[in-house]
Amino acid sequence: MITKENFIKYIDELEKINKAEDELGDVLSKFCSENQFFTFGCIDVAIDILQDIFKDHENDWIGYAIYELDWFKNYREGTITYMGENVPLANAGDLYDLLIENLE
């Protein structure tokens, strides 16, 4: 199992890679007339691996936190509720706790 500390580190690194790919895409778009972008796809592979480890393919909390919440930036208290209770998802630590809870 991945420790919480390492999980947070991996999510932070993936966000940095995502930002770098976005910045590279912005630069390349100035030289490509058809706005052709490229990515290495490592983020998608890493997300798949994490989803396998945490058995998160069905719930897709990892994808939700990264894509829908834009790396947790769009999370607001009350955004996610379960049985009337707030589900915190403000950072990678919250995500880890939710994934571990759903594993058990």
PDB file of N, CA and C in Angstrom:
ATOM      1  N   MET A   1       0.857  -1.188   0.000  1.00  0.00           N
ATOM      2  CA  MET A   1       0.000   0.000   0.000  1.00  0.00           C
ATOM      3  C   MET A   1       0.891   1.236   0.000  1.00  0.00           C
ATOM      4  N   ILE A   2       0.404   2.257  -0.580  1.00  0.00           N
ATOM      5  CA  ILE A   2       1.099   3.543  -0.625  1.00  0.00           C
ATOM      6  C   ILE A   2       0.796   4.299   0.669  1.00  0.00           C
ATOM      7  N   THR A   3       1.827   4.880   1.250  1.00  0.00           N
ATOM      8  CA  THR A   3       1.605   5.683   2.453  1.00  0.00           C
ATOM      9  C   THR A   3       0.943   7.000   2.068  1.00  0.00           C
ATOM     10  N   LYS A   4       0.308   7.618   3.035  1.00  0.00           N
ATOM     11  CA  LYS A   4      -0.345   8.908   2.799  1.00  0.00           C
ATOM     12  C   LYS A   4       0.681   9.943   2.348  1.00  0.00           C
ATOM     13  N   GLU A   5       1.833   9.935   2.981  1.00  0.00           N
ATOM     14  CA  GLU A   5       2.890  10.896   2.632  1.00  0.00           C
ATOM     15  C   GLU A   5       3.315  10.732   1.175  1.00  0.00           C
ATOM     16  N   ASN A   6       3.535   9.491   0.746  1.00  0.00           N
ATOM     17  CA  ASN A   6       3.929   9.257  -0.644  1.00  0.00           C
ATOM     18  C   ASN A   6       2.797   9.572  -1.620  1.00  0.00           C
ATOM     19  N   PHE A   7       1.571   9.244  -1.257  1.00  0.00           N
ATOM     20  CA  PHE A   7       0.428   9.556  -2.112  1.00  0.00           C
ATOM     21  C   PHE A   7       0.355  11.060  -2.368  1.00  0.00           C
ATOM     22  N   ILE A   8       0.485  11.840  -1.316  1.00  0.00           N
ATOM     23  CA  ILE A   8       0.449  13.304  -1.452  1.00  0.00           C
ATOM     24  C   ILE A   8       1.585  13.767  -2.363  1.00  0.00           C
ATOM     25  N   LYS A   9       2.764  13.193  -2.178  1.00  0.00           N
ATOM     26  CA  LYS A   9       3.918  13.546  -3.004  1.00  0.00           C
ATOM     27  C   LYS A   9       3.641  13.210  -4.470  1.00  0.00           C
ATOM     28  N   TYR A  10       3.067  12.039  -4.740  1.00  0.00           N
ATOM     29  CA  TYR A  10       2.780  11.642  -6.124  1.00  0.00           C
ATOM     30  C   TYR A  10       1.754  12.566  -6.774  1.00  0.00           C
ATOM     31  N   ILE A  11       0.713  12.899  -6.046  1.00  0.00           N
ATOM     32  CA  ILE A  11      -0.316  13.799  -6.585  1.00  0.00           C
ATOM     33  C   ILE A  11       0.290  15.171  -6.876  1.00  0.00           C
ATOM     34  N   ASP A  12       1.129  15.666  -5.971  1.00  0.00           N
ATOM     35  CA  ASP A  12       1.788  16.956  -6.195  1.00  0.00           C
ATOM     36  C   ASP A  12       2.674  16.923  -7.439  1.00  0.00           C
ATOM     37  N   GLU A  13       3.404  15.830  -7.632  1.00  0.00           N
ATOM     38  CA  GLU A  13       4.262  15.701  -8.810  1.00  0.00           C
ATOM     39  C   GLU A  13       3.442  15.633 -10.089  1.00  0.00           C
ATOM     40  N   LEU A  14       2.329  14.897 -10.049  1.00  0.00           N
ATOM     41  CA  LEU A  14       1.459  14.821 -11.224  1.00  0.00           C
ATOM     42  C   LEU A  14       0.902  16.191 -11.583  1.00  0.00           C
ATOM     43  N   GLU A  15       0.554  16.973 -10.575  1.00  0.00           N
ATOM     44  CA  GLU A  15       0.050  18.325 -10.847  1.00  0.00           C
ATOM     45  C   GLU A  15       1.140  19.182 -11.495  1.00  0.00           C
ATOM     46  N   LYS A  16       2.374  19.059 -11.032  1.00  0.00           N
ATOM     47  CA  LYS A  16       3.480  19.816 -11.627  1.00  0.00           C
ATOM     48  C   LYS A  16       3.688  19.410 -13.087  1.00  0.00           C
ATOM     49  N   ILE A  17       3.619  18.112 -13.364  1.00  0.00           N
ATOM     50  CA  ILE A  17       3.774  17.630 -14.735  1.00  0.00           C
ATOM     51  C   ILE A  17       2.643  18.167 -15.603  1.00  0.00           C
ATOM     52  N   ASN A  18       1.423  18.130 -15.076  1.00  0.00           N
ATOM     53  CA  ASN A  18       0.270  18.643 -15.812  1.00  0.00           C
ATOM     54  C   ASN A  18       0.446  20.120 -16.146  1.00  0.00           C
ATOM     55  N   LYS A  19       0.908  20.883 -15.195  1.00  0.00           N
ATOM     56  CA  LYS A  19       1.127  22.320 -15.415  1.00  0.00           C
ATOM     57  C   LYS A  19       2.206  22.542 -16.479  1.00  0.00           C
ATOM     58  N   ALA A  20       3.279  21.764 -16.409  1.00  0.00           N
ATOM     59  CA  ALA A  20       4.352  21.899 -17.400  1.00  0.00           C
ATOM     60  C   ALA A  20       3.851  21.548 -18.796  1.00  0.00           C
ATOM     61  N   GLU A  21       3.040  20.494 -18.895  1.00  0.00           N
ATOM     62  CA  GLU A  21       2.484  20.123 -20.203  1.00  0.00           C
ATOM     63  C   GLU A  21       1.575  21.225 -20.738  1.00  0.00           C
ATOM     64  N   ASP A  22       0.780  21.825 -19.856  1.00  0.00           N
ATOM     65  CA  ASP A  22      -0.084  22.935 -20.282  1.00  0.00           C
ATOM     66  C   ASP A  22       0.737  24.110 -20.781  1.00  0.00           C
ATOM     67  N   GLU A  23       1.798  24.444 -20.054  1.00  0.00           N
ATOM     68  CA  GLU A  23       2.655  25.558 -20.449  1.00  0.00           C
ATOM     69  C   GLU A  23       3.352  25.271 -21.774  1.00  0.00           C
ATOM     70  N   LEU A  24       3.807  24.041 -21.948  1.00  0.00           N
ATOM     71  CA  LEU A  24       4.439  23.656 -23.201  1.00  0.00           C
ATOM     72  C   LEU A  24       3.436  23.743 -24.348  1.00  0.00           C
ATOM     73  N   GLY A  25       2.218  23.302 -24.097  1.00  0.00           N
ATOM     74  CA  GLY A  25       1.169  23.394 -25.106  1.00  0.00           C
ATOM     75  C   GLY A  25       0.901  24.833 -25.510  1.00  0.00           C
ATOM     76  N   ASP A  26       0.934  25.740 -24.528  1.00  0.00           N
ATOM     77  CA  ASP A  26       0.731  27.162 -24.829  1.00  0.00           C
ATOM     78  C   ASP A  26       1.832  27.694 -25.741  1.00  0.00           C
ATOM     79  N   VAL A  27       3.062  27.310 -25.465  1.00  0.00           N
ATOM     80  CA  VAL A  27       4.183  27.756 -26.285  1.00  0.00           C
ATOM     81  C   VAL A  27       4.073  27.164 -27.691  1.00  0.00           C
ATOM     82  N   LEU A  28       3.806  25.868 -27.763  1.00  0.00           N
ATOM     83  CA  LEU A  28       3.729  25.214 -29.076  1.00  0.00           C
ATOM     84  C   LEU A  28       2.574  25.735 -29.915  1.00  0.00           C
ATOM     85  N   SER A  29       1.513  26.161 -29.269  1.00  0.00           N
ATOM     86  CA  SER A  29       0.363  26.654 -30.037  1.00  0.00           C
ATOM     87  C   SER A  29       0.705  27.909 -30.823  1.00  0.00           C
ATOM     88  N   LYS A  30       1.741  28.605 -30.412  1.00  0.00           N
ATOM     89  CA  LYS A  30       2.168  29.800 -31.139  1.00  0.00           C
ATOM     90  C   LYS A  30       2.882  29.434 -32.442  1.00  0.00           C
ATOM     91  N   PHE A  31       3.348  28.200 -32.535  1.00  0.00           N
ATOM     92  CA  PHE A  31       4.102  27.774 -33.710  1.00  0.00           C
ATOM     93  C   PHE A  31       3.349  26.761 -34.564  1.00  0.00           C
ATOM     94  N   CYS A  32       2.285  26.220 -34.043  1.00  0.00           N
ATOM     95  CA  CYS A  32       1.506  25.215 -34.777  1.00  0.00           C
ATOM     96  C   CYS A  32       0.194  25.854 -35.213  1.00  0.00           C
ATOM     97  N   SER A  33      -0.008  25.923 -36.507  1.00  0.00           N
ATOM     98  CA  SER A  33      -1.194  26.612 -37.009  1.00  0.00           C
ATOM     99  C   SER A  33      -2.490  25.900 -36.637  1.00  0.00           C
ATOM    100  N   GLU A  34      -2.440  24.608 -36.385  1.00  0.00           N
ATOM    101  CA  GLU A  34      -3.650  23.869 -36.067  1.00  0.00           C
ATOM    102  C   GLU A  34      -3.798  23.606 -34.580  1.00  0.00           C
ATOM    103  N   ASN A  35      -3.078  24.345 -33.760  1.00  0.00           N
ATOM    104  CA  ASN A  35      -3.116  24.152 -32.310  1.00  0.00           C
ATOM    105  C   ASN A  35      -2.895  22.692 -31.930  1.00  0.00           C
ATOM    106  N   GLN A  36      -1.878  22.100 -32.509  1.00  0.00           N
ATOM    107  CA  GLN A  36      -1.558  20.714 -32.196  1.00  0.00           C
ATOM    108  C   GLN A  36      -0.771  20.671 -30.886  1.00  0.00           C
ATOM    109  N   PHE A  37      -1.270  19.902 -29.967  1.00  0.00           N
ATOM    110  CA  PHE A  37      -0.609  19.772 -28.683  1.00  0.00           C
ATOM    111  C   PHE A  37      -0.156  18.333 -28.512  1.00  0.00           C
ATOM    112  N   PHE A  38       0.775  18.137 -27.650  1.00  0.00           N
ATOM    113  CA  PHE A  38       1.166  16.774 -27.333  1.00  0.00           C
ATOM    114  C   PHE A  38       1.350  16.643 -25.828  1.00  0.00           C
ATOM    115  N   THR A  39       1.120  15.448 -25.363  1.00  0.00           N
ATOM    116  CA  THR A  39       1.404  15.117 -23.971  1.00  0.00           C
ATOM    117  C   THR A  39       2.053  13.748 -23.968  1.00  0.00           C
ATOM    118  N   PHE A  40       2.682  13.444 -22.889  1.00  0.00           N
ATOM    119  CA  PHE A  40       3.334  12.151 -22.783  1.00  0.00           C
ATOM    120  C   PHE A  40       2.374  11.094 -22.250  1.00  0.00           C
ATOM    121  N   GLY A  41       1.213  11.493 -21.773  1.00  0.00           N
ATOM    122  CA  GLY A  41       0.228  10.548 -21.283  1.00  0.00           C
ATOM    123  C   GLY A  41       0.553   9.958 -19.931  1.00  0.00           C
ATOM    124  N   CYS A  42       1.622  10.446 -19.305  1.00  0.00           N
ATOM    125  CA  CYS A  42       2.030   9.837 -18.034  1.00  0.00           C
ATOM    126  C   CYS A  42       1.014  10.108 -16.929  1.00  0.00           C
ATOM    127  N   ILE A  43       0.318  11.197 -16.989  1.00  0.00           N
ATOM    128  CA  ILE A  43      -0.677  11.496 -15.953  1.00  0.00           C
ATOM    129  C   ILE A  43      -1.802  10.467 -16.014  1.00  0.00           C
ATOM    130  N   ASP A  44      -2.284  10.181 -17.196  1.00  0.00           N
ATOM    131  CA  ASP A  44      -3.356   9.195 -17.342  1.00  0.00           C
ATOM    132  C   ASP A  44      -2.921   7.816 -16.862  1.00  0.00           C
ATOM    133  N   VAL A  45      -1.698   7.442 -17.178  1.00  0.00           N
ATOM    134  CA  VAL A  45      -1.182   6.141 -16.744  1.00  0.00           C
ATOM    135  C   VAL A  45      -1.062   6.108 -15.226  1.00  0.00           C
ATOM    136  N   ALA A  46      -0.532   7.177 -14.653  1.00  0.00           N
ATOM    137  CA  ALA A  46      -0.375   7.232 -13.200  1.00  0.00           C
ATOM    138  C   ALA A  46      -1.734   7.185 -12.494  1.00  0.00           C
ATOM    139  N   ILE A  47      -2.715   7.878 -13.040  1.00  0.00           N
ATOM    140  CA  ILE A  47      -4.061   7.850 -12.459  1.00  0.00           C
ATOM    141  C   ILE A  47      -4.635   6.437 -12.531  1.00  0.00           C
ATOM    142  N   ASP A  48      -4.439   5.772 -13.666  1.00  0.00           N
ATOM    143  CA  ASP A  48      -4.912   4.383 -13.790  1.00  0.00           C
ATOM    144  C   ASP A  48      -4.257   3.481 -12.743  1.00  0.00           C
ATOM    145  N   ILE A  49      -2.968   3.655 -12.544  1.00  0.00           N
ATOM    146  CA  ILE A  49      -2.260   2.843 -11.552  1.00  0.00           C
ATOM    147  C   ILE A  49      -2.817   3.115 -10.152  1.00  0.00           C
ATOM    148  N   LEU A  50      -2.988   4.392  -9.820  1.00  0.00           N
ATOM    149  CA  LEU A  50      -3.534   4.728  -8.501  1.00  0.00           C
ATOM    150  C   LEU A  50      -4.954   4.187  -8.343  1.00  0.00           C
ATOM    151  N   GLN A  51      -5.744   4.262  -9.407  1.00  0.00           N
ATOM    152  CA  GLN A  51      -7.101   3.715  -9.334  1.00  0.00           C
ATOM    153  C   GLN A  51      -7.080   2.204  -9.129  1.00  0.00           C
ATOM    154  N   ASP A  52      -6.122   1.526  -9.736  1.00  0.00           N
ATOM    155  CA  ASP A  52      -5.987   0.087  -9.515  1.00  0.00           C
ATOM    156  C   ASP A  52      -5.616  -0.202  -8.062  1.00  0.00           C
ATOM    157  N   ILE A  53      -4.656   0.521  -7.550  1.00  0.00           N
ATOM    158  CA  ILE A  53      -4.196   0.298  -6.178  1.00  0.00           C
ATOM    159  C   ILE A  53      -5.330   0.517  -5.182  1.00  0.00           C
ATOM    160  N   PHE A  54      -6.090   1.580  -5.384  1.00  0.00           N
ATOM    161  CA  PHE A  54      -7.140   1.950  -4.428  1.00  0.00           C
ATOM    162  C   PHE A  54      -8.524   1.441  -4.837  1.00  0.00           C
ATOM    163  N   LYS A  55      -8.576   0.647  -5.910  1.00  0.00           N
ATOM    164  CA  LYS A  55      -9.850   0.105  -6.400  1.00  0.00           C
ATOM    165  C   LYS A  55     -10.876   1.232  -6.584  1.00  0.00           C
ATOM    166  N   ASP A  56     -10.440   2.258  -7.306  1.00  0.00           N
ATOM    167  CA  ASP A  56     -11.213   3.494  -7.455  1.00  0.00           C
ATOM    168  C   ASP A  56     -11.785   3.670  -8.857  1.00  0.00           C
ATOM    169  N   HIS A  57     -11.757   2.642  -9.685  1.00  0.00           N
ATOM    170  CA  HIS A  57     -12.272   2.807 -11.055  1.00  0.00           C
ATOM    171  C   HIS A  57     -13.774   3.110 -11.066  1.00  0.00           C
ATOM    172  N   GLU A  58     -14.517   2.480 -10.201  1.00  0.00           N
ATOM    173  CA  GLU A  58     -15.969   2.689 -10.199  1.00  0.00           C
ATOM    174  C   GLU A  58     -16.342   4.053  -9.632  1.00  0.00           C
ATOM    175  N   ASN A  59     -15.806   4.405  -8.487  1.00  0.00           N
ATOM    176  CA  ASN A  59     -16.133   5.698  -7.870  1.00  0.00           C
ATOM    177  C   ASN A  59     -15.418   6.861  -8.548  1.00  0.00           C
ATOM    178  N   ASP A  60     -14.218   6.639  -9.013  1.00  0.00           N
ATOM    179  CA  ASP A  60     -13.391   7.633  -9.705  1.00  0.00           C
ATOM    180  C   ASP A  60     -13.186   8.908  -8.887  1.00  0.00           C
ATOM    181  N   TRP A  61     -12.902   8.755  -7.600  1.00  0.00           N
ATOM    182  CA  TRP A  61     -12.608   9.917  -6.769  1.00  0.00           C
ATOM    183  C   TRP A  61     -11.338  10.619  -7.226  1.00  0.00           C
ATOM    184  N   ILE A  62     -10.367   9.830  -7.664  1.00  0.00           N
ATOM    185  CA  ILE A  62      -9.104  10.426  -8.106  1.00  0.00           C
ATOM    186  C   ILE A  62      -9.342  11.298  -9.334  1.00  0.00           C
ATOM    187  N   GLY A  63     -10.042  10.768 -10.331  1.00  0.00           N
ATOM    188  CA  GLY A  63     -10.341  11.548 -11.525  1.00  0.00           C
ATOM    189  C   GLY A  63     -11.184  12.772 -11.214  1.00  0.00           C
ATOM    190  N   TYR A  64     -12.139  12.608 -10.310  1.00  0.00           N
ATOM    191  CA  TYR A  64     -12.998  13.728  -9.919  1.00  0.00           C
ATOM    192  C   TYR A  64     -12.167  14.850  -9.297  1.00  0.00           C
ATOM    193  N   ALA A  65     -11.280  14.480  -8.372  1.00  0.00           N
ATOM    194  CA  ALA A  65     -10.463  15.490  -7.690  1.00  0.00           C
ATOM    195  C   ALA A  65      -9.529  16.212  -8.652  1.00  0.00           C
ATOM    196  N   ILE A  66      -8.997  15.469  -9.595  1.00  0.00           N
ATOM    197  CA  ILE A  66      -8.026  16.053 -10.526  1.00  0.00           C
ATOM    198  C   ILE A  66      -8.708  16.827 -11.644  1.00  0.00           C
ATOM    199  N   TYR A  67      -9.697  16.216 -12.273  1.00  0.00           N
ATOM    200  CA  TYR A  67     -10.286  16.848 -13.455  1.00  0.00           C
ATOM    201  C   TYR A  67     -11.472  17.756 -13.134  1.00  0.00           C
ATOM    202  N   GLU A  68     -12.404  17.283 -12.352  1.00  0.00           N
ATOM    203  CA  GLU A  68     -13.589  18.089 -12.047  1.00  0.00           C
ATOM    204  C   GLU A  68     -13.288  19.209 -11.060  1.00  0.00           C
ATOM    205  N   LEU A  69     -12.465  18.891 -10.063  1.00  0.00           N
ATOM    206  CA  LEU A  69     -12.121  19.908  -9.067  1.00  0.00           C
ATOM    207  C   LEU A  69     -10.831  20.647  -9.415  1.00  0.00           C
ATOM    208  N   ASP A  70     -10.265  20.370 -10.583  1.00  0.00           N
ATOM    209  CA  ASP A  70      -9.041  21.026 -11.052  1.00  0.00           C
ATOM    210  C   ASP A  70      -7.955  21.000  -9.980  1.00  0.00           C
ATOM    211  N   TRP A  71      -7.536  19.792  -9.653  1.00  0.00           N
ATOM    212  CA  TRP A  71      -6.488  19.586  -8.653  1.00  0.00           C
ATOM    213  C   TRP A  71      -6.890  20.207  -7.312  1.00  0.00           C
ATOM    214  N   PHE A  72      -8.136  20.001  -6.925  1.00  0.00           N
ATOM    215  CA  PHE A  72      -8.712  20.415  -5.636  1.00  0.00           C
ATOM    216  C   PHE A  72      -9.034  21.915  -5.561  1.00  0.00           C
ATOM    217  N   LYS A  73      -8.644  22.686  -6.553  1.00  0.00           N
ATOM    218  CA  LYS A  73      -8.832  24.146  -6.492  1.00  0.00           C
ATOM    219  C   LYS A  73     -10.300  24.557  -6.437  1.00  0.00           C
ATOM    220  N   ASN A  74     -11.186  23.772  -7.045  1.00  0.00           N
ATOM    221  CA  ASN A  74     -12.607  24.135  -7.102  1.00  0.00           C
ATOM    222  C   ASN A  74     -13.430  23.537  -5.968  1.00  0.00           C
ATOM    223  N   TYR A  75     -12.771  22.889  -5.035  1.00  0.00           N
ATOM    224  CA  TYR A  75     -13.513  22.309  -3.908  1.00  0.00           C
ATOM    225  C   TYR A  75     -13.977  23.414  -2.960  1.00  0.00           C
ATOM    226  N   ARG A  76     -15.208  23.312  -2.556  1.00  0.00           N
ATOM    227  CA  ARG A  76     -15.781  24.182  -1.523  1.00  0.00           C
ATOM    228  C   ARG A  76     -16.526  23.273  -0.558  1.00  0.00           C
ATOM    229  N   GLU A  77     -16.499  23.605   0.712  1.00  0.00           N
ATOM    230  CA  GLU A  77     -17.226  22.799   1.682  1.00  0.00           C
ATOM    231  C   GLU A  77     -18.687  22.699   1.255  1.00  0.00           C
ATOM    232  N   GLY A  78     -19.209  21.512   1.279  1.00  0.00           N
ATOM    233  CA  GLY A  78     -20.573  21.270   0.845  1.00  0.00           C
ATOM    234  C   GLY A  78     -20.678  20.855  -0.611  1.00  0.00           C
ATOM    235  N   THR A  79     -19.551  20.922  -1.343  1.00  0.00           N
ATOM    236  CA  THR A  79     -19.552  20.493  -2.741  1.00  0.00           C
ATOM    237  C   THR A  79     -19.940  19.025  -2.843  1.00  0.00           C
ATOM    238  N   ILE A  80     -19.423  18.230  -1.923  1.00  0.00           N
ATOM    239  CA  ILE A  80     -19.682  16.792  -1.921  1.00  0.00           C
ATOM    240  C   ILE A  80     -20.275  16.423  -0.571  1.00  0.00           C
ATOM    241  N   THR A  81     -21.434  15.806  -0.596  1.00  0.00           N
ATOM    242  CA  THR A  81     -22.052  15.357   0.648  1.00  0.00           C
ATOM    243  C   THR A  81     -22.446  13.896   0.510  1.00  0.00           C
ATOM    244  N   TYR A  82     -22.465  13.227   1.633  1.00  0.00           N
ATOM    245  CA  TYR A  82     -22.920  11.844   1.682  1.00  0.00           C
ATOM    246  C   TYR A  82     -23.750  11.681   2.938  1.00  0.00           C
ATOM    247  N   MET A  83     -24.998  11.324   2.765  1.00  0.00           N
ATOM    248  CA  MET A  83     -25.939  11.171   3.876  1.00  0.00           C
ATOM    249  C   MET A  83     -25.970  12.434   4.754  1.00  0.00           C
ATOM    250  N   GLY A  84     -25.983  13.579   4.076  1.00  0.00           N
ATOM    251  CA  GLY A  84     -26.085  14.856   4.763  1.00  0.00           C
ATOM    252  C   GLY A  84     -24.796  15.367   5.377  1.00  0.00           C
ATOM    253  N   GLU A  85     -23.725  14.614   5.247  1.00  0.00           N
ATOM    254  CA  GLU A  85     -22.430  15.009   5.806  1.00  0.00           C
ATOM    255  C   GLU A  85     -21.506  15.498   4.698  1.00  0.00           C
ATOM    256  N   ASN A  86     -20.730  16.531   5.002  1.00  0.00           N
ATOM    257  CA  ASN A  86     -19.742  17.034   4.064  1.00  0.00           C
ATOM    258  C   ASN A  86     -18.638  15.985   3.871  1.00  0.00           C
ATOM    259  N   VAL A  87     -18.240  15.794   2.636  1.00  0.00           N
ATOM    260  CA  VAL A  87     -17.107  14.931   2.324  1.00  0.00           C
ATOM    261  C   VAL A  87     -15.951  15.851   1.939  1.00  0.00           C
ATOM    262  N   PRO A  88     -14.951  15.982   2.810  1.00  0.00           N
ATOM    263  CA  PRO A  88     -13.842  16.882   2.491  1.00  0.00           C
ATOM    264  C   PRO A  88     -12.982  16.335   1.356  1.00  0.00           C
ATOM    265  N   LEU A  89     -12.672  17.184   0.419  1.00  0.00           N
ATOM    266  CA  LEU A  89     -11.814  16.814  -0.703  1.00  0.00           C
ATOM    267  C   LEU A  89     -11.026  18.046  -1.156  1.00  0.00           C
ATOM    268  N   ALA A  90     -10.414  18.702  -0.169  1.00  0.00           N
ATOM    269  CA  ALA A  90      -9.712  19.956  -0.421  1.00  0.00           C
ATOM    270  C   ALA A  90      -8.249  19.770  -0.796  1.00  0.00           C
ATOM    271  N   ASN A  91      -7.729  18.553  -0.620  1.00  0.00           N
ATOM    272  CA  ASN A  91      -6.314  18.319  -0.902  1.00  0.00           C
ATOM    273  C   ASN A  91      -6.057  16.817  -1.050  1.00  0.00           C
ATOM    274  N   ALA A  92      -4.833  16.477  -1.391  1.00  0.00           N
ATOM    275  CA  ALA A  92      -4.489  15.070  -1.625  1.00  0.00           C
ATOM    276  C   ALA A  92      -4.607  14.241  -0.356  1.00  0.00           C
ATOM    277  N   GLY A  93      -4.372  14.836   0.804  1.00  0.00           N
ATOM    278  CA  GLY A  93      -4.547  14.113   2.065  1.00  0.00           C
ATOM    279  C   GLY A  93      -5.993  13.707   2.282  1.00  0.00           C
ATOM    280  N   ASP A  94      -6.917  14.614   1.986  1.00  0.00           N
ATOM    281  CA  ASP A  94      -8.349  14.286   2.083  1.00  0.00           C
ATOM    282  C   ASP A  94      -8.706  13.164   1.108  1.00  0.00           C
ATOM    283  N   LEU A  95      -8.161  13.248  -0.101  1.00  0.00           N
ATOM    284  CA  LEU A  95      -8.439  12.222  -1.109  1.00  0.00           C
ATOM    285  C   LEU A  95      -7.935  10.865  -0.632  1.00  0.00           C
ATOM    286  N   TYR A  96      -6.737  10.831  -0.096  1.00  0.00           N
ATOM    287  CA  TYR A  96      -6.176   9.583   0.416  1.00  0.00           C
ATOM    288  C   TYR A  96      -7.087   8.989   1.491  1.00  0.00           C
ATOM    289  N   ASP A  97      -7.508   9.825   2.434  1.00  0.00           N
ATOM    290  CA  ASP A  97      -8.380   9.346   3.508  1.00  0.00           C
ATOM    291  C   ASP A  97      -9.675   8.765   2.941  1.00  0.00           C
ATOM    292  N   LEU A  98     -10.255   9.430   1.958  1.00  0.00           N
ATOM    293  CA  LEU A  98     -11.492   8.950   1.333  1.00  0.00           C
ATOM    294  C   LEU A  98     -11.255   7.610   0.626  1.00  0.00           C
ATOM    295  N   LEU A  99     -10.141   7.498  -0.075  1.00  0.00           N
ATOM    296  CA  LEU A  99      -9.832   6.252  -0.781  1.00  0.00           C
ATOM    297  C   LEU A  99      -9.626   5.101   0.203  1.00  0.00           C
ATOM    298  N   ILE A 100      -8.916   5.357   1.287  1.00  0.00           N
ATOM    299  CA  ILE A 100      -8.676   4.323   2.296  1.00  0.00           C
ATOM    300  C   ILE A 100      -9.998   3.914   2.937  1.00  0.00           C
ATOM    301  N   GLU A 101     -10.843   4.884   3.246  1.00  0.00           N
ATOM    302  CA  GLU A 101     -12.145   4.595   3.834  1.00  0.00           C
ATOM    303  C   GLU A 101     -12.987   3.712   2.907  1.00  0.00           C
ATOM    304  N   ASN A 102     -12.924   3.986   1.606  1.00  0.00           N
ATOM    305  CA  ASN A 102     -13.704   3.202   0.646  1.00  0.00           C
ATOM    306  C   ASN A 102     -13.111   1.817   0.398  1.00  0.00           C
ATOM    307  N   LEU A 103     -11.828   1.647   0.703  1.00  0.00           N
ATOM    308  CA  LEU A 103     -11.218   0.333   0.578  1.00  0.00           C
ATOM    309  C   LEU A 103     -11.717  -0.619   1.669  1.00  0.00           C
ATOM    310  N   GLU A 104     -12.005  -0.054   2.834  1.00  0.00           N
ATOM    311  CA  GLU A 104     -12.355  -0.869   4.000  1.00  0.00           C
ATOM    312  C   GLU A 104     -13.788  -1.256   4.036  1.00  0.00           C
TER     313      GLU A 104
END
